[in-house]
Amino acid sequence: MTEKNIPQGIYRHYKGNLYQVLHTAQHSETEEMLVVYRCLYGEYGVWVRPLSMFSETVEVEGKQVPRFELIKALAD
């Protein structure tokens, strides 16, 4: 996964819920790369998150784990 490219697919958040990455986008003012994704539960809301935050690791019970882990890649 590069800083400007993230595979479309199904991801598991470190807290357990599933999300589908739809696209990447670029902020019109800052040019920051963003990930456009939707929840695969509840009302299936659509969200955006900075790519740097989406692809970072977080500490869980003393271990570094991905914030979002790719479960299944989907075709572009």
N, C-alpha and C. Protein backbone atom coordinates (compact mmCIF):
# COMPACT_ATOMS: atom_id res chain seq x y z
N MET A 1 0.85 -1.16 0.00
CA MET A 1 0.00 0.00 0.00
C MET A 1 0.90 1.23 0.00
N THR A 2 0.75 2.07 -1.00
CA THR A 2 1.55 3.29 -1.05
C THR A 2 0.77 4.43 -0.42
N GLU A 3 1.44 5.54 -0.23
CA GLU A 3 0.79 6.70 0.40
C GLU A 3 -0.38 7.21 -0.43
N LYS A 4 -0.39 6.98 -1.75
CA LYS A 4 -1.49 7.48 -2.57
C LYS A 4 -2.38 6.36 -3.11
N ASN A 5 -2.15 5.13 -2.68
CA ASN A 5 -2.90 4.01 -3.23
C ASN A 5 -3.26 3.05 -2.11
N ILE A 6 -4.52 2.71 -2.04
CA ILE A 6 -4.98 1.72 -1.08
C ILE A 6 -5.97 0.83 -1.82
N PRO A 7 -5.84 -0.48 -1.71
CA PRO A 7 -6.74 -1.37 -2.46
C PRO A 7 -8.20 -1.20 -2.03
N GLN A 8 -9.08 -1.21 -3.03
CA GLN A 8 -10.51 -1.26 -2.71
C GLN A 8 -10.78 -2.64 -2.14
N GLY A 9 -11.63 -2.70 -1.14
CA GLY A 9 -11.92 -3.99 -0.55
C GLY A 9 -12.60 -3.88 0.79
N ILE A 10 -12.67 -5.01 1.46
CA ILE A 10 -13.30 -5.11 2.77
C ILE A 10 -12.18 -5.08 3.81
N TYR A 11 -12.35 -4.23 4.81
CA TYR A 11 -11.36 -4.06 5.87
C TYR A 11 -12.01 -4.29 7.22
N ARG A 12 -11.23 -4.84 8.14
CA ARG A 12 -11.69 -4.99 9.52
C ARG A 12 -10.99 -3.93 10.35
N HIS A 13 -11.80 -3.13 11.06
CA HIS A 13 -11.26 -2.14 12.00
C HIS A 13 -10.74 -2.89 13.22
N TYR A 14 -9.75 -2.34 13.87
CA TYR A 14 -9.15 -3.05 15.01
C TYR A 14 -10.15 -3.32 16.13
N LYS A 15 -11.28 -2.61 16.15
CA LYS A 15 -12.32 -2.89 17.15
C LYS A 15 -13.30 -3.95 16.68
N GLY A 16 -13.14 -4.43 15.41
CA GLY A 16 -13.93 -5.58 14.96
C GLY A 16 -14.93 -5.35 13.85
N ASN A 17 -15.40 -4.13 13.64
CA ASN A 17 -16.40 -3.89 12.59
C ASN A 17 -15.78 -3.94 11.20
N LEU A 18 -16.64 -4.22 10.20
CA LEU A 18 -16.19 -4.31 8.81
C LEU A 18 -16.57 -3.04 8.05
N TYR A 19 -15.69 -2.68 7.11
CA TYR A 19 -15.88 -1.49 6.28
C TYR A 19 -15.46 -1.81 4.86
N GLN A 20 -16.05 -1.11 3.90
CA GLN A 20 -15.67 -1.26 2.50
C GLN A 20 -15.02 0.02 2.01
N VAL A 21 -13.78 -0.08 1.55
CA VAL A 21 -13.11 1.08 0.96
C VAL A 21 -13.64 1.24 -0.46
N LEU A 22 -14.18 2.43 -0.75
CA LEU A 22 -14.77 2.72 -2.05
C LEU A 22 -13.78 3.40 -2.99
N HIS A 23 -13.05 4.38 -2.47
CA HIS A 23 -12.15 5.19 -3.30
C HIS A 23 -11.12 5.86 -2.42
N THR A 24 -10.13 6.45 -3.07
CA THR A 24 -9.31 7.46 -2.42
C THR A 24 -9.65 8.78 -3.09
N ALA A 25 -9.45 9.86 -2.37
CA ALA A 25 -9.75 11.20 -2.88
C ALA A 25 -8.69 12.15 -2.36
N GLN A 26 -8.65 13.32 -2.96
CA GLN A 26 -7.67 14.32 -2.55
C GLN A 26 -8.41 15.56 -2.09
N HIS A 27 -8.05 16.07 -0.91
CA HIS A 27 -8.66 17.28 -0.36
C HIS A 27 -8.37 18.45 -1.30
N SER A 28 -9.38 19.22 -1.63
CA SER A 28 -9.24 20.29 -2.63
C SER A 28 -8.34 21.43 -2.18
N GLU A 29 -8.23 21.66 -0.89
CA GLU A 29 -7.43 22.78 -0.39
C GLU A 29 -6.04 22.35 0.05
N THR A 30 -5.96 21.23 0.75
CA THR A 30 -4.67 20.82 1.34
C THR A 30 -3.95 19.77 0.51
N GLU A 31 -4.66 19.15 -0.44
CA GLU A 31 -4.16 18.04 -1.26
C GLU A 31 -3.87 16.78 -0.45
N GLU A 32 -4.34 16.74 0.80
CA GLU A 32 -4.17 15.55 1.62
C GLU A 32 -4.98 14.40 1.01
N MET A 33 -4.40 13.21 0.98
CA MET A 33 -5.09 12.04 0.47
C MET A 33 -6.06 11.52 1.53
N LEU A 34 -7.28 11.17 1.09
CA LEU A 34 -8.35 10.71 1.97
C LEU A 34 -8.85 9.35 1.47
N VAL A 35 -9.33 8.55 2.40
CA VAL A 35 -9.96 7.27 2.07
C VAL A 35 -11.46 7.44 2.24
N VAL A 36 -12.22 7.05 1.21
CA VAL A 36 -13.68 7.09 1.24
C VAL A 36 -14.15 5.67 1.50
N TYR A 37 -14.88 5.47 2.59
CA TYR A 37 -15.29 4.11 2.95
C TYR A 37 -16.67 4.12 3.58
N ARG A 38 -17.29 2.95 3.63
CA ARG A 38 -18.62 2.86 4.25
C ARG A 38 -18.66 1.72 5.24
N CYS A 39 -19.51 1.90 6.23
CA CYS A 39 -19.74 0.87 7.24
C CYS A 39 -20.49 -0.29 6.59
N LEU A 40 -20.19 -1.48 7.01
CA LEU A 40 -20.94 -2.65 6.56
C LEU A 40 -21.82 -3.16 7.69
N TYR A 41 -22.40 -2.21 8.41
CA TYR A 41 -23.32 -2.51 9.51
C TYR A 41 -24.18 -1.27 9.74
N GLY A 42 -25.21 -1.42 10.53
CA GLY A 42 -26.07 -0.28 10.87
C GLY A 42 -26.69 0.38 9.65
N GLU A 43 -26.52 1.70 9.54
CA GLU A 43 -27.10 2.45 8.42
C GLU A 43 -26.17 2.55 7.22
N TYR A 44 -25.06 1.85 7.24
CA TYR A 44 -24.11 1.81 6.12
C TYR A 44 -23.63 3.21 5.73
N GLY A 45 -23.33 4.02 6.73
CA GLY A 45 -22.88 5.39 6.50
C GLY A 45 -21.57 5.45 5.73
N VAL A 46 -21.40 6.53 4.96
CA VAL A 46 -20.17 6.77 4.20
C VAL A 46 -19.33 7.78 4.96
N TRP A 47 -18.03 7.49 5.05
CA TRP A 47 -17.10 8.31 5.82
C TRP A 47 -15.85 8.59 5.00
N VAL A 48 -15.09 9.60 5.43
CA VAL A 48 -13.75 9.84 4.89
C VAL A 48 -12.80 9.94 6.07
N ARG A 49 -11.56 9.53 5.82
CA ARG A 49 -10.53 9.58 6.85
C ARG A 49 -9.21 9.82 6.13
N PRO A 50 -8.32 10.62 6.70
CA PRO A 50 -7.01 10.79 6.08
C PRO A 50 -6.33 9.43 5.86
N LEU A 51 -5.74 9.26 4.68
CA LEU A 51 -5.06 8.01 4.36
C LEU A 51 -3.99 7.67 5.38
N SER A 52 -3.28 8.69 5.84
CA SER A 52 -2.22 8.44 6.83
C SER A 52 -2.79 7.84 8.11
N MET A 53 -3.98 8.28 8.52
CA MET A 53 -4.62 7.74 9.72
C MET A 53 -5.21 6.36 9.44
N PHE A 54 -5.82 6.19 8.27
CA PHE A 54 -6.42 4.91 7.91
C PHE A 54 -5.38 3.79 7.93
N SER A 55 -4.17 4.10 7.47
CA SER A 55 -3.16 3.05 7.32
C SER A 55 -2.16 2.98 8.48
N GLU A 56 -2.41 3.72 9.54
CA GLU A 56 -1.47 3.69 10.67
C GLU A 56 -1.75 2.50 11.58
N THR A 57 -0.84 2.27 12.52
CA THR A 57 -1.05 1.25 13.53
C THR A 57 -1.48 1.91 14.83
N VAL A 58 -2.17 1.14 15.65
CA VAL A 58 -2.61 1.59 16.97
C VAL A 58 -2.18 0.54 17.99
N GLU A 59 -2.09 0.95 19.22
CA GLU A 59 -1.69 0.02 20.28
C GLU A 59 -2.93 -0.58 20.93
N VAL A 60 -2.96 -1.91 20.96
CA VAL A 60 -4.05 -2.65 21.59
C VAL A 60 -3.42 -3.69 22.51
N GLU A 61 -3.70 -3.59 23.79
CA GLU A 61 -3.17 -4.51 24.79
C GLU A 61 -1.65 -4.66 24.66
N GLY A 62 -0.98 -3.53 24.45
CA GLY A 62 0.48 -3.52 24.38
C GLY A 62 1.09 -3.92 23.05
N LYS A 63 0.25 -4.23 22.05
CA LYS A 63 0.74 -4.63 20.72
C LYS A 63 0.34 -3.58 19.69
N GLN A 64 1.20 -3.38 18.69
CA GLN A 64 0.87 -2.51 17.56
C GLN A 64 0.11 -3.34 16.52
N VAL A 65 -1.09 -2.88 16.17
CA VAL A 65 -1.92 -3.56 15.17
C VAL A 65 -2.40 -2.53 14.16
N PRO A 66 -2.71 -2.96 12.93
CA PRO A 66 -3.23 -2.00 11.94
C PRO A 66 -4.58 -1.46 12.39
N ARG A 67 -4.80 -0.16 12.16
CA ARG A 67 -6.13 0.42 12.45
C ARG A 67 -7.18 -0.28 11.60
N PHE A 68 -6.88 -0.49 10.31
CA PHE A 68 -7.74 -1.22 9.38
C PHE A 68 -6.90 -2.29 8.71
N GLU A 69 -7.41 -3.52 8.69
CA GLU A 69 -6.70 -4.64 8.06
C GLU A 69 -7.50 -5.12 6.86
N LEU A 70 -6.84 -5.23 5.70
CA LEU A 70 -7.51 -5.73 4.50
C LEU A 70 -7.90 -7.18 4.69
N ILE A 71 -9.19 -7.47 4.51
CA ILE A 71 -9.71 -8.83 4.64
C ILE A 71 -9.90 -9.46 3.26
N LYS A 72 -10.44 -8.65 2.32
CA LYS A 72 -10.69 -9.16 0.96
C LYS A 72 -10.57 -8.01 -0.02
N ALA A 73 -9.66 -8.13 -0.98
CA ALA A 73 -9.52 -7.12 -2.03
C ALA A 73 -10.66 -7.29 -3.03
N LEU A 74 -11.17 -6.18 -3.53
CA LEU A 74 -12.21 -6.18 -4.55
C LEU A 74 -11.65 -5.55 -5.82
N ALA A 75 -12.16 -5.97 -6.97
CA ALA A 75 -11.68 -5.42 -8.25
C ALA A 75 -12.00 -3.94 -8.33
N ASP A 76 -11.10 -3.20 -8.96
CA ASP A 76 -11.33 -1.75 -9.17
C ASP A 76 -12.45 -1.51 -10.13
